[in-house]
Amino acid sequence: MAKNEPATPAVVLRVQELIPTLSKSEQRVAKYIIDHPDQVINLSVAALADAAGVSDPTVVRACKRLGFVCYQDLKVTLAQSIVTPLQNIHEQIAPDDDIQKIVGKVFNSAIHTLQYTYDNLQTGDVQNAAELLMSARRIFIFGIGASGAIALDLQHKLLRLGLDACAYADAHLQAITSVYCTREDVVVAISHSGSSKIIVDNVRMARDNGAKVISLTSVGRSPLSKMADICLFTASLETKYRILAISSRIAELTIIDSIYTYIAMRCDSIKQMKVEKAMKDLKY
């Protein structure tokens, strides 16, 4: 091995050793992991399945045959093997950066993400999402962890517009709500990866009970976006294992604000007066 050549991550060596124990389709998944470990940490199950030319269940089975609890376990293990601790803070920051450079790079990352999202955003989908929310009897917003904060922001904005909206960051409350969803209800599901099992399972239940679904995820095919009636995407260079990354959340909030503004501008005169009164009464 050349002096400056990086060592093969232990997890990749582990996958190489176990290839003979896999089926032919599972081997295709393993070989893709070996050849593209830095890409896999950014891919959903569905995206990896597409890249390897196999089905989604094959990816899940391959991960378990390779000794991982689930696909997310594989991605985290890969990330820990090939990403330095500094990259977990911010991919573009160098060890000798001073505060001015750090602030500049963090701000530039947020600016880039907003522009990148705007360039890739389908404004027709934003309009369709807003109109679906306007016609809903009830609106339920699901988000876990960092996405829970985004869900609360959407709830806050929709309530100000006089819409019946409620955000749930608790898995059990989401499940209970999903059981009682009807065809008149809309579920907004927020998940950066689009692969959160809790969100996916509860959204599936709500959809099975007739609810329309709007998803807000990072760009790309994912289990959540595959179930949604309307898909809204953010586009960012952030990796999905950086749970504290702010740029993608800024993009999510901006999409939400666009929906809020569209609805606010289309309220009828009576509702508009109520909205304006609410704005006045709720000043603090």
Protein backbone atom coordinates (compact mmCIF):
# COMPACT_ATOMS: atom_id res chain seq x y z
CA MET A 1 0.00 0.00 0.00
CA ALA A 2 1.37 3.44 -0.90
CA LYS A 3 2.32 5.67 1.99
CA ASN A 4 -0.42 8.26 1.32
CA GLU A 5 -3.08 5.79 0.23
CA PRO A 6 -5.93 5.69 2.76
CA ALA A 7 -6.54 2.37 4.48
CA THR A 8 -9.67 0.45 3.54
CA PRO A 9 -12.28 0.99 6.27
CA ALA A 10 -12.79 -2.06 8.50
CA VAL A 11 -16.50 -2.17 7.70
CA VAL A 12 -15.72 -2.43 3.96
CA LEU A 13 -13.29 -5.28 4.63
CA ARG A 14 -16.02 -6.99 6.63
CA VAL A 15 -18.43 -6.71 3.70
CA GLN A 16 -15.78 -8.10 1.33
CA GLU A 17 -15.23 -11.13 3.53
CA LEU A 18 -18.95 -11.93 3.73
CA ILE A 19 -19.72 -11.65 0.00
CA PRO A 20 -19.45 -15.44 -0.59
CA THR A 21 -22.22 -16.01 1.98
CA LEU A 22 -24.71 -13.80 0.12
CA SER A 23 -27.17 -14.53 -2.66
CA LYS A 24 -26.41 -13.12 -6.12
CA SER A 25 -28.76 -10.15 -5.68
CA GLU A 26 -27.41 -9.46 -2.19
CA GLN A 27 -23.87 -9.56 -3.60
CA ARG A 28 -24.79 -6.71 -5.94
CA VAL A 29 -25.70 -4.62 -2.91
CA ALA A 30 -22.47 -5.57 -1.14
CA LYS A 31 -20.32 -4.76 -4.17
CA TYR A 32 -21.94 -1.35 -4.50
CA ILE A 33 -21.20 -0.68 -0.82
CA ILE A 34 -17.57 -1.68 -1.34
CA ASP A 35 -17.14 0.46 -4.47
CA HIS A 36 -19.08 3.52 -3.23
CA PRO A 37 -18.99 3.68 0.60
CA ASP A 38 -18.97 7.50 0.63
CA GLN A 39 -22.10 7.58 -1.54
CA VAL A 40 -23.99 4.95 0.43
CA ILE A 41 -24.03 7.11 3.57
CA ASN A 42 -26.14 9.61 1.62
CA LEU A 43 -28.55 7.10 0.04
CA SER A 44 -31.95 5.90 1.20
CA VAL A 45 -32.81 2.20 1.00
CA ALA A 46 -34.74 2.86 -2.21
CA ALA A 47 -31.89 4.86 -3.76
CA LEU A 48 -29.33 2.13 -2.99
CA ALA A 49 -31.72 -0.46 -4.41
CA ASP A 50 -31.96 1.55 -7.64
CA ALA A 51 -28.19 1.99 -7.83
CA ALA A 52 -27.51 -1.71 -7.28
CA GLY A 53 -30.35 -2.83 -9.54
CA VAL A 54 -32.21 -4.78 -6.84
CA SER A 55 -35.42 -4.46 -4.82
CA ASP A 56 -35.78 -2.53 -1.55
CA PRO A 57 -36.28 -5.75 0.51
CA THR A 58 -33.04 -7.14 -0.97
CA VAL A 59 -31.10 -4.19 0.47
CA VAL A 60 -32.65 -4.76 3.89
CA ARG A 61 -31.89 -8.50 3.77
CA ALA A 62 -28.31 -7.87 2.64
CA CYS A 63 -27.70 -5.51 5.56
CA LYS A 64 -28.92 -8.10 8.05
CA ARG A 65 -26.87 -10.87 6.39
CA LEU A 66 -23.83 -8.59 6.71
CA GLY A 67 -24.40 -8.35 10.45
CA PHE A 68 -26.09 -4.97 10.74
CA VAL A 69 -29.24 -4.39 12.75
CA CYS A 70 -30.78 -2.36 9.94
CA TYR A 71 -29.84 -0.18 6.98
CA GLN A 72 -29.39 2.87 9.20
CA ASP A 73 -26.90 0.87 11.30
CA LEU A 74 -24.88 0.20 8.13
CA LYS A 75 -24.87 3.90 7.16
CA VAL A 76 -23.80 5.06 10.62
CA THR A 77 -21.02 2.46 10.76
CA LEU A 78 -19.79 3.50 7.31
CA ALA A 79 -19.90 7.18 8.28
CA GLN A 80 -17.89 6.56 11.43
CA SER A 81 -15.30 4.65 9.41
CA ILE A 82 -14.76 7.09 6.56
CA VAL A 83 -15.64 10.50 7.99
CA THR A 84 -13.37 12.40 10.35
CA PRO A 85 -14.75 13.97 13.56
CA LEU A 86 -14.22 17.39 11.98
CA GLN A 87 -16.53 16.48 9.09
CA ASN A 88 -19.27 15.66 11.57
CA ILE A 89 -19.20 19.34 12.52
CA HIS A 90 -19.02 20.75 9.02
CA GLU A 91 -17.67 19.14 5.85
CA GLN A 92 -15.90 22.24 4.55
CA ILE A 93 -14.20 23.50 7.71
CA ALA A 94 -10.46 23.02 8.11
CA PRO A 95 -8.67 22.49 11.46
CA ASP A 96 -6.80 25.81 11.22
CA ASP A 97 -9.86 27.94 10.32
CA ASP A 98 -10.33 31.01 12.51
CA ILE A 99 -13.76 32.20 13.69
CA GLN A 100 -14.23 34.44 10.65
CA LYS A 101 -13.70 31.53 8.26
CA ILE A 102 -15.91 29.21 10.30
CA VAL A 103 -18.78 31.71 10.39
CA GLY A 104 -18.35 32.45 6.70
CA LYS A 105 -18.42 28.78 5.71
CA VAL A 106 -21.45 27.99 7.86
CA PHE A 107 -23.36 30.94 6.41
CA ASN A 108 -22.27 30.08 2.87
CA SER A 109 -23.47 26.52 3.41
CA ALA A 110 -26.93 27.79 4.37
CA ILE A 111 -27.02 30.21 1.43
CA HIS A 112 -25.94 27.48 -0.97
CA THR A 113 -28.60 25.11 0.35
CA LEU A 114 -31.35 27.68 -0.11
CA GLN A 115 -30.25 28.38 -3.69
CA TYR A 116 -29.80 24.68 -4.42
CA THR A 117 -33.26 23.92 -3.04
CA TYR A 118 -34.84 26.79 -4.96
CA ASP A 119 -33.23 25.64 -8.22
CA ASN A 120 -34.57 22.11 -7.75
CA LEU A 121 -37.97 22.97 -6.23
CA GLN A 122 -41.10 22.25 -8.25
CA THR A 123 -43.24 25.30 -7.48
CA GLY A 124 -46.32 23.52 -8.79
CA ASP A 125 -45.93 20.99 -5.99
CA VAL A 126 -45.71 23.81 -3.43
CA GLN A 127 -48.95 25.28 -4.80
CA ASN A 128 -50.67 21.89 -4.79
CA ALA A 129 -49.59 21.30 -1.20
CA ALA A 130 -50.94 24.69 -0.11
CA GLU A 131 -54.28 24.11 -1.81
CA LEU A 132 -54.59 20.64 -0.32
CA LEU A 133 -54.02 22.10 3.14
CA MET A 134 -56.63 24.79 2.50
CA SER A 135 -59.23 22.16 1.62
CA ALA A 136 -58.48 19.79 4.53
CA ARG A 137 -60.84 19.31 7.45
CA ARG A 138 -57.93 18.56 9.78
CA ILE A 139 -54.16 18.74 9.28
CA PHE A 140 -51.80 16.47 11.20
CA ILE A 141 -48.07 17.15 11.08
CA PHE A 142 -45.59 14.40 11.93
CA GLY A 143 -41.92 14.97 12.76
CA ILE A 144 -39.45 13.20 15.05
CA GLY A 145 -36.38 14.77 16.68
CA ALA A 146 -35.08 17.80 14.78
CA SER A 147 -37.98 17.47 12.34
CA GLY A 148 -40.35 17.91 15.28
CA ALA A 149 -39.28 21.54 15.55
CA ILE A 150 -40.10 22.05 11.87
CA ALA A 151 -43.50 20.43 12.44
CA LEU A 152 -44.25 22.86 15.28
CA ASP A 153 -43.37 25.82 13.06
CA LEU A 154 -45.82 24.63 10.40
CA GLN A 155 -48.50 24.12 13.04
CA HIS A 156 -47.94 27.65 14.35
CA LYS A 157 -48.28 29.19 10.90
CA LEU A 158 -51.37 27.20 9.91
CA LEU A 159 -53.14 27.96 13.20
CA ARG A 160 -52.56 31.67 12.59
CA LEU A 161 -54.39 31.23 9.29
CA GLY A 162 -57.36 29.69 11.07
CA LEU A 163 -56.69 26.14 9.84
CA ASP A 164 -57.20 23.12 12.10
CA ALA A 165 -53.62 21.91 12.44
CA CYS A 166 -51.81 19.90 15.09
CA ALA A 167 -48.19 18.75 15.20
CA TYR A 168 -47.08 15.51 16.86
CA ALA A 169 -43.48 14.62 17.71
CA ASP A 170 -44.47 11.59 19.81
CA ALA A 171 -44.63 8.26 17.99
CA HIS A 172 -47.62 6.97 19.98
CA LEU A 173 -49.66 10.13 19.43
CA GLN A 174 -48.88 9.92 15.73
CA ALA A 175 -50.10 6.32 15.68
CA ILE A 176 -53.31 7.16 17.55
CA THR A 177 -53.98 10.07 15.22
CA SER A 178 -53.35 7.90 12.16
CA VAL A 179 -55.97 5.38 13.26
CA TYR A 180 -58.65 8.10 13.23
CA CYS A 181 -57.66 9.79 9.98
CA THR A 182 -60.28 10.11 7.24
CA ARG A 183 -60.39 11.06 3.57
CA GLU A 184 -61.00 14.66 4.62
CA ASP A 185 -57.71 14.87 6.52
CA VAL A 186 -54.16 15.65 5.41
CA VAL A 187 -50.93 14.42 7.00
CA VAL A 188 -47.74 16.42 6.50
CA ALA A 189 -44.77 14.13 7.19
CA ILE A 190 -41.37 15.73 7.75
CA SER A 191 -38.19 13.63 7.66
CA HIS A 192 -34.83 14.76 6.29
CA SER A 193 -33.86 11.21 5.27
CA GLY A 194 -37.37 10.13 4.33
CA SER A 195 -36.52 6.80 5.94
CA SER A 196 -37.53 7.25 9.58
CA LYS A 197 -39.31 3.99 10.41
CA ILE A 198 -41.62 5.66 12.94
CA ILE A 199 -42.75 8.29 10.46
CA VAL A 200 -43.06 5.84 7.57
CA ASP A 201 -45.13 3.36 9.60
CA ASN A 202 -47.50 6.00 10.95
CA VAL A 203 -47.93 7.68 7.58
CA ARG A 204 -48.72 4.32 6.00
CA MET A 205 -51.45 3.80 8.62
CA ALA A 206 -52.89 7.28 8.01
CA ARG A 207 -52.86 6.76 4.26
CA ASP A 208 -54.54 3.38 4.61
CA ASN A 209 -57.33 5.14 6.50
CA GLY A 210 -57.84 7.58 3.64
CA ALA A 211 -55.70 10.60 4.54
CA LYS A 212 -53.82 12.50 1.85
CA VAL A 213 -50.07 12.77 2.49
CA ILE A 214 -47.61 15.60 1.88
CA SER A 215 -43.95 14.68 2.44
CA LEU A 216 -41.07 17.07 3.12
CA THR A 217 -37.73 15.30 2.71
CA SER A 218 -34.30 15.72 1.18
CA VAL A 219 -34.24 15.28 -2.58
CA GLY A 220 -34.39 11.75 -3.90
CA ARG A 221 -36.54 8.66 -3.78
CA SER A 222 -37.27 7.44 -0.25
CA PRO A 223 -39.83 5.21 1.50
CA LEU A 224 -41.72 8.29 2.68
CA SER A 225 -41.78 10.13 -0.64
CA LYS A 226 -42.95 6.95 -2.37
CA MET A 227 -46.11 7.00 -0.21
CA ALA A 228 -46.88 10.70 -0.54
CA ASP A 229 -49.48 12.29 -2.77
CA ILE A 230 -47.36 15.45 -2.96
CA CYS A 231 -43.58 15.45 -2.45
CA LEU A 232 -41.62 18.53 -1.40
CA PHE A 233 -37.83 18.31 -1.44
CA THR A 234 -34.90 20.20 0.02
CA ALA A 235 -31.53 19.93 -1.73
CA SER A 236 -28.37 20.11 0.32
CA LEU A 237 -24.79 18.85 0.32
CA GLU A 238 -25.20 17.86 3.96
CA THR A 239 -24.89 14.18 4.72
CA LYS A 240 -27.85 12.47 6.29
CA TYR A 241 -25.94 11.28 9.36
CA ARG A 242 -25.31 14.89 10.47
CA ILE A 243 -28.36 15.15 12.70
CA LEU A 244 -27.49 18.65 13.91
CA ALA A 245 -26.96 20.18 10.46
CA ILE A 246 -28.91 23.45 10.16
CA SER A 247 -28.84 24.16 6.42
CA SER A 248 -31.47 21.59 5.47
CA ARG A 249 -33.76 22.81 8.25
CA ILE A 250 -33.47 26.37 6.97
CA ALA A 251 -34.56 25.11 3.55
CA GLU A 252 -37.51 23.23 5.10
CA LEU A 253 -38.60 26.34 7.01
CA THR A 254 -38.39 28.42 3.82
CA ILE A 255 -40.62 25.98 1.93
CA ILE A 256 -43.10 26.11 4.83
CA ASP A 257 -43.02 29.90 4.79
CA SER A 258 -43.76 29.86 1.05
CA ILE A 259 -46.82 27.68 1.67
CA TYR A 260 -47.96 29.96 4.51
CA THR A 261 -47.62 33.07 2.34
CA TYR A 262 -49.52 31.49 -0.56
CA ILE A 263 -52.42 30.53 1.72
CA ALA A 264 -52.43 33.89 3.52
CA MET A 265 -52.74 35.74 0.22
CA ARG A 266 -55.75 33.64 -0.78
CA CYS A 267 -57.89 33.87 2.33
CA ASP A 268 -61.38 35.22 1.69
CA SER A 269 -62.19 38.67 3.08
CA ILE A 270 -63.91 37.39 6.25
CA LYS A 271 -61.11 34.96 7.09
CA GLN A 272 -58.51 37.60 6.20
CA MET A 273 -60.04 39.93 8.78
CA LYS A 274 -59.85 37.14 11.37
CA VAL A 275 -56.23 36.46 10.46
CA GLU A 276 -55.35 40.14 10.79
CA LYS A 277 -57.17 40.30 14.16
CA ALA A 278 -55.27 37.20 15.33
CA MET A 279 -52.00 38.81 14.29
CA LYS A 280 -52.87 41.90 16.28
CA ASP A 281 -54.11 40.06 19.37
CA LEU A 282 -51.16 37.67 19.42
CA LYS A 283 -48.42 40.27 19.28
CA TYR A 284 -45.87 39.76 22.00
